Amino acid sequence: MFDYLIVGAGFAGSVLAERLAAGSNRKVLLCDKRPHIGGNAYDHYDEHGILVHKYGPHIFHTNSQEVFEYLSRFTKWRPYEHRVCASVDGMHLPIPINLDTINRLYGLNLTSFEVDRFFASVAEPRAAIVNSEDVVVNRVGRELYEKFFRNYTRKQWGLDPSELDASVIARVPVRTNRDDRYFGDVYQAMPLHGFTRMFENMLDHSNIKVLLNADYREIQDDIPYREMIYTGPVDEFFDYRFGKLPYRSLEFRHETKEMEVYQDAPVVNYPNTHAYTRVTEFKYLTGQVHPKTSIVFETPRAEGDPYYPVPRPQNAALYAQYKQLADVTPGVHFVGRLATYKYYNMDQITAQALSTYAKISGNKHRAESTVRIARPQLSPEPAYTATTLSTS
C-alpha cells in the first residue's frame, strides 16, 4: 500500500515525493507517462557528449532563500546570469530593452537620464492597461513595440498582443541602465551537473518508487494507495467535462555545429521574419567545454504537449469551472502549472509544492520569497541509488 500516488515527475511531483518520503516517512509511487524524470526540465547528454535541455532552455532564478536552500540539498550550483539578444534590423540587441539597446538601434549616445526622457517622448499613454499591447505601447511607444514585441508574441501565442492579458508582457522589464541580465533575481544559478542529476538525488529515498512510461489511469485501479497528487492537465483529469483548456505547444529542432561557439549570446530571439522564436546554445548555460556546440530552434505550435496556458479571460473562466470540481474532489491534490492552469517558473512550482506539503502534513509554515543579498553557495551533493521501476 502506497500512501500517495503522485502523477507527474516534474518539479511539483518530485518535490512532493521527496518531502512526503523524507519529511513524513510516507510511501510514495511517482509515475510519469514519459520515459524519464524531471518533466520539461529534463536534460541529457546527446550523441556528441554535450549536455542539452530536451524541452528547451530552463534557467533557474529565484528571490526565495527557502526554495534555493531546499534545492541546494540535491545539487551544487554553477553561478549563471542569463542574457538574451533579439535579432532586430540586422543586429543582435539586448533584451529586455535597456540603454545599450536604444543607443545601438538608433546610433545614439544617450545617458540613463536621457533614455528615460526618450521613452517618455515615444510612449503612447493609455488611460487603462487592459492587454499586452497596452503595456508596451504605454511604456516605449509603437515603433519599439513593432520591432521587439508584436510579432514575437503573435508567433508565441498565435494571438495578437491586443488579445492577450496584460500579464503576458508586463513581466518583461524596460531598463534605463546597461543591465543586460534577463533576470534580476538574487539567486541565479544552474545545477552544476544538470537538472536530471538534481532530480535523481531528490528521489533517492527508499520510500520512493518511480514508474516511468506509465499512464496513471492504467495503474490506479491495480495499485493500492490512499491519496493522489495530480500534476497533469486539470481538464484531462475530468475528461474535458467543460471543454478543452487552450495551451500553446512547442516544436524543438536540435542541431550540433562543428564549432566551439555558434552565436554571441546564450539565447537569440527572432521577433520578426523567422518562423521560430528563439535559438539557444546550451554550452553557455552549462559551462561545458567541448569542441562542438549544440543548439535548439523553438517553433510555437497550436497542437502538441501542453506548455503554456493561454492567459485570456474566457480561459480563466473555463478553468474556474474545473477548479470548482478540483476543490471538491476527495483524496486528490492538484499541484503545478497544468493542474492549476497558470504559468509558473521553476522556483514558483517548487514553492507551491513545499506549501502543499506543509498543508498536507499539517504544518502551517508556507514557502515564501525571502529576499537576501547572497551569492549561490555550493552544497554537498548526495549520491544517487534510487530504485526505479520502468515499463515500456
Protein backbone atom coordinates (compact mmCIF):
# COMPACT_ATOMS: atom_id res chain seq x y z
CA MET A 1 0.00 0.00 0.00
CA PHE A 2 1.33 3.41 -1.01
CA ASP A 3 0.36 6.48 0.96
CA TYR A 4 0.49 8.64 -2.17
CA LEU A 5 0.27 8.09 -5.89
CA ILE A 6 1.92 11.14 -7.48
CA VAL A 7 1.16 11.74 -11.14
CA GLY A 8 3.97 13.57 -12.93
CA ALA A 9 7.72 13.52 -12.15
CA GLY A 10 8.48 17.18 -12.82
CA PHE A 11 9.24 19.80 -10.19
CA ALA A 12 5.87 19.66 -8.43
CA GLY A 13 5.65 15.88 -8.25
CA SER A 14 9.30 15.28 -7.40
CA VAL A 15 9.46 17.90 -4.63
CA LEU A 16 6.30 16.49 -3.05
CA ALA A 17 7.60 12.93 -3.38
CA GLU A 18 10.82 13.87 -1.62
CA ARG A 19 9.12 15.81 1.16
CA LEU A 20 6.48 13.16 1.86
CA ALA A 21 9.09 10.38 1.83
CA ALA A 22 11.87 12.12 3.76
CA GLY A 23 9.85 14.59 5.81
CA SER A 24 6.84 12.45 6.78
CA ASN A 25 8.05 8.88 6.21
CA ARG A 26 5.29 8.24 3.67
CA LYS A 27 5.49 5.61 0.95
CA VAL A 28 5.19 7.19 -2.49
CA LEU A 29 4.69 5.88 -6.01
CA LEU A 30 5.75 8.53 -8.53
CA CYS A 31 4.61 7.82 -12.09
CA ASP A 32 5.07 9.60 -15.40
CA LYS A 33 3.99 8.91 -18.98
CA ARG A 34 7.40 9.95 -20.26
CA PRO A 35 10.45 7.65 -20.14
CA HIS A 36 12.33 9.98 -17.78
CA ILE A 37 12.03 12.05 -14.61
CA GLY A 38 12.37 15.83 -14.47
CA GLY A 39 9.40 16.85 -16.60
CA ASN A 40 10.18 19.66 -19.03
CA ALA A 41 13.41 20.40 -17.11
CA TYR A 42 14.89 17.07 -18.17
CA ASP A 43 18.41 17.32 -19.60
CA HIS A 44 20.74 14.68 -21.01
CA TYR A 45 24.00 14.20 -22.89
CA ASP A 46 23.42 13.97 -26.63
CA GLU A 47 25.27 11.62 -29.01
CA HIS A 48 28.24 14.04 -29.06
CA GLY A 49 28.51 14.22 -25.27
CA ILE A 50 27.01 17.71 -25.00
CA LEU A 51 24.56 18.36 -22.15
CA VAL A 52 21.30 19.64 -23.69
CA HIS A 53 17.83 20.51 -22.43
CA LYS A 54 15.41 18.30 -24.36
CA TYR A 55 12.46 20.66 -23.98
CA GLY A 56 14.19 23.99 -24.47
CA PRO A 57 16.24 26.14 -22.07
CA HIS A 58 15.46 26.04 -18.36
CA ILE A 59 17.18 28.80 -16.39
CA PHE A 60 16.92 28.71 -12.62
CA HIS A 61 16.44 32.01 -10.79
CA THR A 62 14.63 32.94 -7.59
CA ASN A 63 14.33 35.52 -4.83
CA SER A 64 13.32 32.83 -2.35
CA GLN A 65 16.05 31.82 0.06
CA GLU A 66 13.93 28.89 1.20
CA VAL A 67 13.50 27.50 -2.31
CA PHE A 68 17.17 27.94 -3.11
CA GLU A 69 18.32 26.29 0.11
CA TYR A 70 15.88 23.42 -0.34
CA LEU A 71 17.11 22.61 -3.85
CA SER A 72 20.71 23.03 -2.68
CA ARG A 73 20.27 19.79 -0.74
CA PHE A 74 20.30 17.96 -4.06
CA THR A 75 22.78 19.84 -6.23
CA LYS A 76 25.83 22.00 -6.30
CA TRP A 77 25.39 25.16 -8.34
CA ARG A 78 27.14 26.93 -11.17
CA PRO A 79 26.54 30.70 -10.80
CA TYR A 80 24.99 31.88 -14.04
CA GLU A 81 23.31 35.14 -15.09
CA HIS A 82 21.23 34.69 -18.22
CA ARG A 83 21.48 37.04 -21.19
CA VAL A 84 19.30 37.27 -24.29
CA CYS A 85 19.62 39.20 -27.54
CA ALA A 86 16.93 39.99 -30.09
CA SER A 87 17.66 39.91 -33.82
CA VAL A 88 16.33 43.28 -34.96
CA ASP A 89 17.32 45.32 -38.04
CA GLY A 90 20.31 43.05 -38.70
CA MET A 91 21.70 43.48 -35.17
CA HIS A 92 21.68 41.37 -32.02
CA LEU A 93 20.42 43.78 -29.37
CA PRO A 94 19.99 43.27 -25.61
CA ILE A 95 16.54 42.21 -24.45
CA PRO A 96 14.93 43.30 -22.14
CA ILE A 97 15.34 46.70 -23.77
CA ASN A 98 17.98 48.74 -21.97
CA LEU A 99 20.20 51.79 -22.59
CA ASP A 100 22.52 49.91 -24.96
CA THR A 101 19.57 48.58 -26.95
CA ILE A 102 18.38 52.10 -27.73
CA ASN A 103 21.82 53.56 -28.39
CA ARG A 104 22.82 50.77 -30.80
CA LEU A 105 19.45 50.62 -32.54
CA TYR A 106 19.30 54.36 -33.27
CA GLY A 107 23.00 55.22 -33.33
CA LEU A 108 22.69 57.44 -30.26
CA ASN A 109 24.82 58.08 -27.20
CA LEU A 110 22.18 58.69 -24.56
CA THR A 111 22.74 58.55 -20.82
CA SER A 112 20.38 56.82 -18.40
CA PHE A 113 18.60 60.10 -17.70
CA GLU A 114 18.30 60.90 -21.39
CA VAL A 115 16.97 57.48 -22.35
CA ASP A 116 14.20 57.82 -19.79
CA ARG A 117 13.18 61.06 -21.48
CA PHE A 118 13.45 59.25 -24.84
CA PHE A 119 10.99 56.60 -23.69
CA ALA A 120 8.64 59.32 -22.46
CA SER A 121 8.83 61.08 -25.83
CA VAL A 122 7.87 57.99 -27.84
CA ALA A 123 5.38 56.46 -25.40
CA GLU A 124 1.69 56.43 -26.26
CA PRO A 125 -0.01 56.76 -22.86
CA ARG A 126 -3.05 54.55 -22.38
CA ALA A 127 -5.77 55.53 -19.94
CA ALA A 128 -6.23 51.89 -18.98
CA ILE A 129 -3.79 48.98 -19.30
CA VAL A 130 -6.06 46.18 -20.46
CA ASN A 131 -3.92 43.96 -22.67
CA SER A 132 -0.29 43.22 -23.58
CA GLU A 133 -0.20 45.81 -26.37
CA ASP A 134 -1.23 48.48 -23.88
CA VAL A 135 1.67 47.54 -21.59
CA VAL A 136 4.37 48.04 -24.19
CA VAL A 137 2.98 50.97 -26.19
CA ASN A 138 2.28 52.84 -22.96
CA ARG A 139 5.93 52.42 -21.90
CA VAL A 140 8.06 52.55 -25.06
CA GLY A 141 5.81 53.51 -27.95
CA ARG A 142 4.66 51.96 -31.19
CA GLU A 143 7.97 51.50 -33.07
CA LEU A 144 9.76 49.51 -30.37
CA TYR A 145 6.57 47.52 -29.83
CA GLU A 146 6.55 46.54 -33.51
CA LYS A 147 10.28 45.75 -33.66
CA PHE A 148 10.64 43.70 -30.48
CA PHE A 149 7.29 42.51 -29.20
CA ARG A 150 4.35 42.26 -31.56
CA ASN A 151 5.44 39.56 -33.98
CA TYR A 152 7.26 37.54 -31.31
CA THR A 153 4.05 37.48 -29.29
CA ARG A 154 1.99 36.55 -32.34
CA LYS A 155 4.29 33.59 -33.03
CA GLN A 156 4.47 32.51 -29.42
CA TRP A 157 0.77 32.66 -28.64
CA GLY A 158 -0.96 32.57 -32.01
CA LEU A 159 -2.69 35.78 -30.96
CA ASP A 160 -2.04 39.48 -31.29
CA PRO A 161 -0.82 41.15 -28.06
CA SER A 162 -4.06 43.13 -28.05
CA GLU A 163 -5.86 39.81 -27.48
CA LEU A 164 -3.71 38.71 -24.53
CA ASP A 165 -3.85 39.58 -20.86
CA ALA A 166 -1.52 42.39 -19.78
CA SER A 167 0.39 39.94 -17.54
CA VAL A 168 1.99 38.23 -20.55
CA ILE A 169 4.33 41.13 -21.38
CA ALA A 170 4.17 43.01 -18.07
CA ARG A 171 6.77 40.57 -16.68
CA VAL A 172 9.38 41.81 -19.20
CA PRO A 173 11.06 44.96 -17.80
CA VAL A 174 12.38 48.02 -19.63
CA ARG A 175 15.64 49.37 -18.22
CA THR A 176 17.31 52.75 -18.40
CA ASN A 177 20.76 51.43 -17.45
CA ARG A 178 23.14 48.92 -19.07
CA ASP A 179 21.97 45.92 -17.05
CA ASP A 180 21.70 43.23 -19.73
CA ARG A 181 20.74 40.35 -17.46
CA TYR A 182 17.45 38.77 -18.40
CA PHE A 183 16.52 38.23 -14.76
CA GLY A 184 17.14 40.39 -11.72
CA ASP A 185 16.69 37.75 -9.01
CA VAL A 186 19.03 37.44 -6.04
CA TYR A 187 19.77 33.77 -6.72
CA GLN A 188 20.73 32.94 -10.30
CA ALA A 189 22.45 29.62 -10.93
CA MET A 190 22.34 26.34 -12.83
CA PRO A 191 22.60 22.86 -11.29
CA LEU A 192 26.27 22.02 -11.65
CA HIS A 193 25.68 18.57 -13.14
CA GLY A 194 22.32 19.31 -14.73
CA PHE A 195 18.67 19.20 -13.72
CA THR A 196 18.28 15.46 -14.20
CA ARG A 197 21.07 14.73 -11.72
CA MET A 198 19.35 17.05 -9.24
CA PHE A 199 16.07 15.16 -9.65
CA GLU A 200 17.86 11.82 -9.29
CA ASN A 201 19.30 12.98 -5.98
CA MET A 202 15.93 14.33 -4.88
CA LEU A 203 14.25 10.98 -5.50
CA ASP A 204 16.99 8.93 -3.83
CA HIS A 205 14.91 7.58 -0.96
CA SER A 206 13.80 4.09 -0.03
CA ASN A 207 10.20 5.27 0.38
CA ILE A 208 10.01 6.43 -3.25
CA LYS A 209 9.33 4.14 -6.18
CA VAL A 210 9.38 5.61 -9.70
CA LEU A 211 7.28 4.17 -12.52
CA LEU A 212 8.04 5.55 -15.99
CA ASN A 213 6.30 5.07 -19.34
CA ALA A 214 3.14 4.73 -17.27
CA ASP A 215 -0.27 6.39 -17.59
CA TYR A 216 -1.73 6.62 -14.10
CA ARG A 217 -5.18 5.72 -15.43
CA GLU A 218 -3.88 2.31 -16.41
CA ILE A 219 -2.49 1.51 -12.97
CA GLN A 220 -4.63 3.38 -10.42
CA ASP A 221 -7.10 0.51 -10.05
CA ASP A 222 -4.37 -2.10 -9.66
CA ILE A 223 -2.01 -0.39 -7.22
CA PRO A 224 -3.44 0.45 -3.79
CA TYR A 225 -2.86 3.99 -2.48
CA ARG A 226 -4.53 6.35 -0.03
CA GLU A 227 -4.34 9.76 -1.75
CA MET A 228 -3.31 11.16 -5.12
CA ILE A 229 -1.25 14.21 -6.04
CA TYR A 230 -2.02 15.16 -9.62
CA THR A 231 0.22 17.49 -11.65
CA GLY A 232 -1.16 16.87 -15.13
CA PRO A 233 -3.73 18.87 -17.14
CA VAL A 234 -6.78 19.50 -14.97
CA ASP A 235 -9.21 19.32 -17.90
CA GLU A 236 -7.85 15.91 -18.87
CA PHE A 237 -8.35 14.63 -15.32
CA PHE A 238 -12.05 15.44 -15.58
CA ASP A 239 -12.36 14.03 -19.13
CA TYR A 240 -12.81 17.52 -20.61
CA ARG A 241 -16.22 17.86 -18.99
CA PHE A 242 -16.46 21.59 -19.73
CA GLY A 243 -14.30 21.57 -22.85
CA LYS A 244 -10.58 21.64 -23.51
CA LEU A 245 -8.40 24.32 -21.92
CA PRO A 246 -6.24 26.05 -24.56
CA TYR A 247 -2.46 25.61 -24.42
CA ARG A 248 0.42 26.57 -26.66
CA SER A 249 2.94 23.91 -27.52
CA LEU A 250 6.48 23.98 -28.91
CA GLU A 251 8.44 22.12 -31.53
CA PHE A 252 12.17 21.68 -30.83
CA ARG A 253 14.79 21.16 -33.52
CA HIS A 254 18.18 20.24 -32.06
CA GLU A 255 21.35 20.63 -34.11
CA THR A 256 25.05 20.11 -33.44
CA LYS A 257 27.54 22.52 -35.00
CA GLU A 258 31.17 21.75 -35.82
CA MET A 259 32.44 24.79 -33.92
CA GLU A 260 33.05 25.77 -30.32
CA VAL A 261 30.68 28.76 -30.33
CA TYR A 262 27.70 29.32 -32.62
CA GLN A 263 26.15 32.61 -31.52
CA ASP A 264 27.05 35.65 -29.43
CA ALA A 265 24.51 35.10 -26.66
CA PRO A 266 23.01 32.13 -24.80
CA VAL A 267 19.64 32.85 -26.43
CA VAL A 268 18.85 34.89 -29.53
CA ASN A 269 15.21 35.86 -30.05
CA TYR A 270 13.82 36.25 -33.56
CA PRO A 271 10.78 38.50 -33.21
CA ASN A 272 10.10 39.16 -36.86
CA THR A 273 10.78 37.24 -40.08
CA HIS A 274 11.67 33.72 -38.92
CA ALA A 275 9.12 31.00 -38.14
CA TYR A 276 10.98 30.06 -34.95
CA THR A 277 11.02 32.36 -31.92
CA ARG A 278 14.47 31.73 -30.47
CA VAL A 279 17.71 29.78 -30.70
CA THR A 280 19.51 28.56 -27.57
CA GLU A 281 23.15 27.48 -27.33
CA PHE A 282 23.42 25.15 -24.35
CA LYS A 283 27.13 25.43 -23.54
CA TYR A 284 26.55 28.99 -22.30
CA LEU A 285 24.07 27.60 -19.77
CA THR A 286 26.08 24.59 -18.63
CA GLY A 287 29.62 25.93 -18.84
CA GLN A 288 30.66 22.75 -20.61
CA VAL A 289 33.91 22.79 -22.60
CA HIS A 290 33.57 20.87 -25.87
CA PRO A 291 34.96 21.30 -29.42
CA LYS A 292 31.40 21.15 -30.80
CA THR A 293 28.30 23.01 -29.74
CA SER A 294 24.60 22.13 -29.59
CA ILE A 295 21.71 24.49 -30.30
CA VAL A 296 17.94 24.22 -30.40
CA PHE A 297 15.39 26.10 -32.50
CA GLU A 298 11.96 26.66 -30.93
CA THR A 299 8.84 26.99 -33.05
CA PRO A 300 5.48 27.51 -31.32
CA ARG A 301 2.63 25.20 -32.24
CA ALA A 302 -1.10 25.12 -31.56
CA GLU A 303 -1.07 21.34 -31.01
CA GLY A 304 1.26 19.05 -29.08
CA ASP A 305 2.39 18.69 -25.48
CA PRO A 306 0.85 21.46 -23.34
CA TYR A 307 3.46 24.02 -22.30
CA TYR A 308 1.86 27.43 -21.84
CA PRO A 309 -1.65 28.11 -20.54
CA VAL A 310 -3.14 30.86 -22.72
CA PRO A 311 -3.92 33.86 -20.45
CA ARG A 312 -7.27 35.19 -21.67
CA PRO A 313 -10.41 36.00 -19.61
CA GLN A 314 -12.51 33.30 -21.27
CA ASN A 315 -9.86 30.68 -20.50
CA ALA A 316 -9.70 31.80 -16.87
CA ALA A 317 -13.48 31.41 -16.67
CA LEU A 318 -13.28 27.90 -18.11
CA TYR A 319 -10.53 26.95 -15.66
CA ALA A 320 -12.66 28.30 -12.79
CA GLN A 321 -15.24 25.60 -13.59
CA TYR A 322 -12.58 22.91 -13.39
CA LYS A 323 -11.20 24.39 -10.18
CA GLN A 324 -14.60 24.08 -8.56
CA LEU A 325 -14.56 20.38 -9.38
CA ALA A 326 -10.96 20.01 -8.19
CA ASP A 327 -11.74 21.67 -4.87
CA VAL A 328 -14.44 19.13 -4.05
CA THR A 329 -12.68 16.02 -5.37
CA PRO A 330 -11.80 13.96 -2.28
CA GLY A 331 -8.37 12.47 -1.87
CA VAL A 332 -6.76 14.35 -4.78
CA HIS A 333 -4.39 17.34 -4.55
CA PHE A 334 -3.94 19.40 -7.72
CA VAL A 335 -0.47 20.98 -7.96
CA GLY A 336 1.62 22.55 -10.70
CA ARG A 337 1.30 24.54 -13.91
CA LEU A 338 -1.01 22.17 -15.77
CA ALA A 339 -3.15 21.23 -12.77
CA THR A 340 -3.78 24.87 -11.82
CA TYR A 341 -3.69 26.32 -15.36
CA LYS A 342 -1.17 29.03 -14.61
CA TYR A 343 2.31 29.78 -15.90
CA TYR A 344 4.89 29.26 -13.14
CA ASN A 345 8.65 29.45 -13.12
CA MET A 346 10.56 26.54 -11.63
CA ASP A 347 11.08 28.27 -8.31
CA GLN A 348 7.38 29.11 -8.08
CA ILE A 349 6.44 25.49 -8.70
CA THR A 350 8.90 24.43 -6.00
CA ALA A 351 7.39 26.94 -3.57
CA GLN A 352 3.88 25.77 -4.41
CA ALA A 353 4.88 22.15 -3.84
CA LEU A 354 6.51 22.99 -0.49
CA SER A 355 3.38 24.87 0.55
CA THR A 356 1.20 21.94 -0.48
CA TYR A 357 3.38 19.63 1.57
CA ALA A 358 3.05 21.95 4.55
CA LYS A 359 -0.73 21.83 4.19
CA ILE A 360 -0.83 18.06 3.80
CA SER A 361 1.48 17.47 6.74
CA GLY A 362 -0.40 19.90 8.98
CA ASN A 363 2.46 22.38 9.17
CA LYS A 364 1.18 25.95 8.89
CA HIS A 365 4.51 27.17 7.54
CA ARG A 366 4.42 28.25 3.89
CA ALA A 367 7.28 28.67 1.41
CA GLU A 368 7.73 32.37 0.80
CA SER A 369 10.01 34.51 -1.34
CA THR A 370 12.50 35.89 1.17
CA VAL A 371 14.98 38.23 -0.46
CA ARG A 372 18.52 38.06 0.89
CA ILE A 373 21.55 39.54 -0.81
CA ALA A 374 23.75 36.50 -1.20
CA ARG A 375 25.64 34.59 -3.82
CA PRO A 376 24.74 30.99 -4.65
CA GLN A 377 26.66 28.64 -2.39
CA LEU A 378 27.97 25.17 -3.12
CA SER A 379 26.36 22.37 -1.13
CA PRO A 380 27.34 18.74 -0.68
CA GLU A 381 25.86 16.59 -3.41
CA PRO A 382 24.45 13.16 -2.43
CA ALA A 383 24.97 10.03 -4.47
CA TYR A 384 22.07 8.56 -6.39
CA THR A 385 20.94 4.99 -5.78
CA ALA A 386 17.17 5.31 -6.17
CA THR A 387 15.05 2.34 -7.12
CA THR A 388 13.40 2.94 -10.49
CA LEU A 389 10.65 0.82 -11.99
CA SER A 390 10.21 1.16 -15.73
CA THR A 391 7.64 -0.25 -18.11
CA SER A 392 7.71 0.00 -21.87
